[in-house]
Amino acid sequence: MKVWSVTYDLSVQGGQDYDDLIEVLKSFPSCPLTKSAWLLATPFSATQIQARLKRFLSAGDELSIVPVAKGQGWAASGLTEKQVAWLRRYLAATPTPPRVPLSRLRSLARP
C-alpha cells in the first residue's frame, strides 16, 4: 500500500469548511499530523485521491498530494502514541536515529 502526504489550505472565499474534507480523509487508513496535513495509506494514485477530495474544494483552495517513501526513516516530536503507532505501521518500525557523528553532537553541545 502506498503512503501519501496530503496537505491543504482552504481559502476564506470558499468558507473554509474542513468537516467534509476531513471525513473523506478519515475514510482512508490515515494519520492527521496537523490540522491541514495528513498521511494516507491507500493503493489509490494521487489523481484518484485528488478526485475524491476535489468536490470539497473551492476556488482559491490549495491541495497537494505527494508520495512518501517507505523505509527511509522518519522523525517526529509532539505526536500522540496513536500517531506514532500509525507511522511505525505504515512507514518503518522505528524512527531513524540521527546520522550525526557523536563527536559532532558533543561539539554542538559545548558552550
Foldseek 3Di string as FASTA:
>chain_A
DWKKKKFKDADVVLVPPCVVLVVLQVVFPKADPDSGIIMGDDPDDPVVSCVSRVVSHDPPMDMDIGTDAAPPFDDDPPDDPVRLVSCCVPHHVHGDDDPDDPVVVVVVPDD
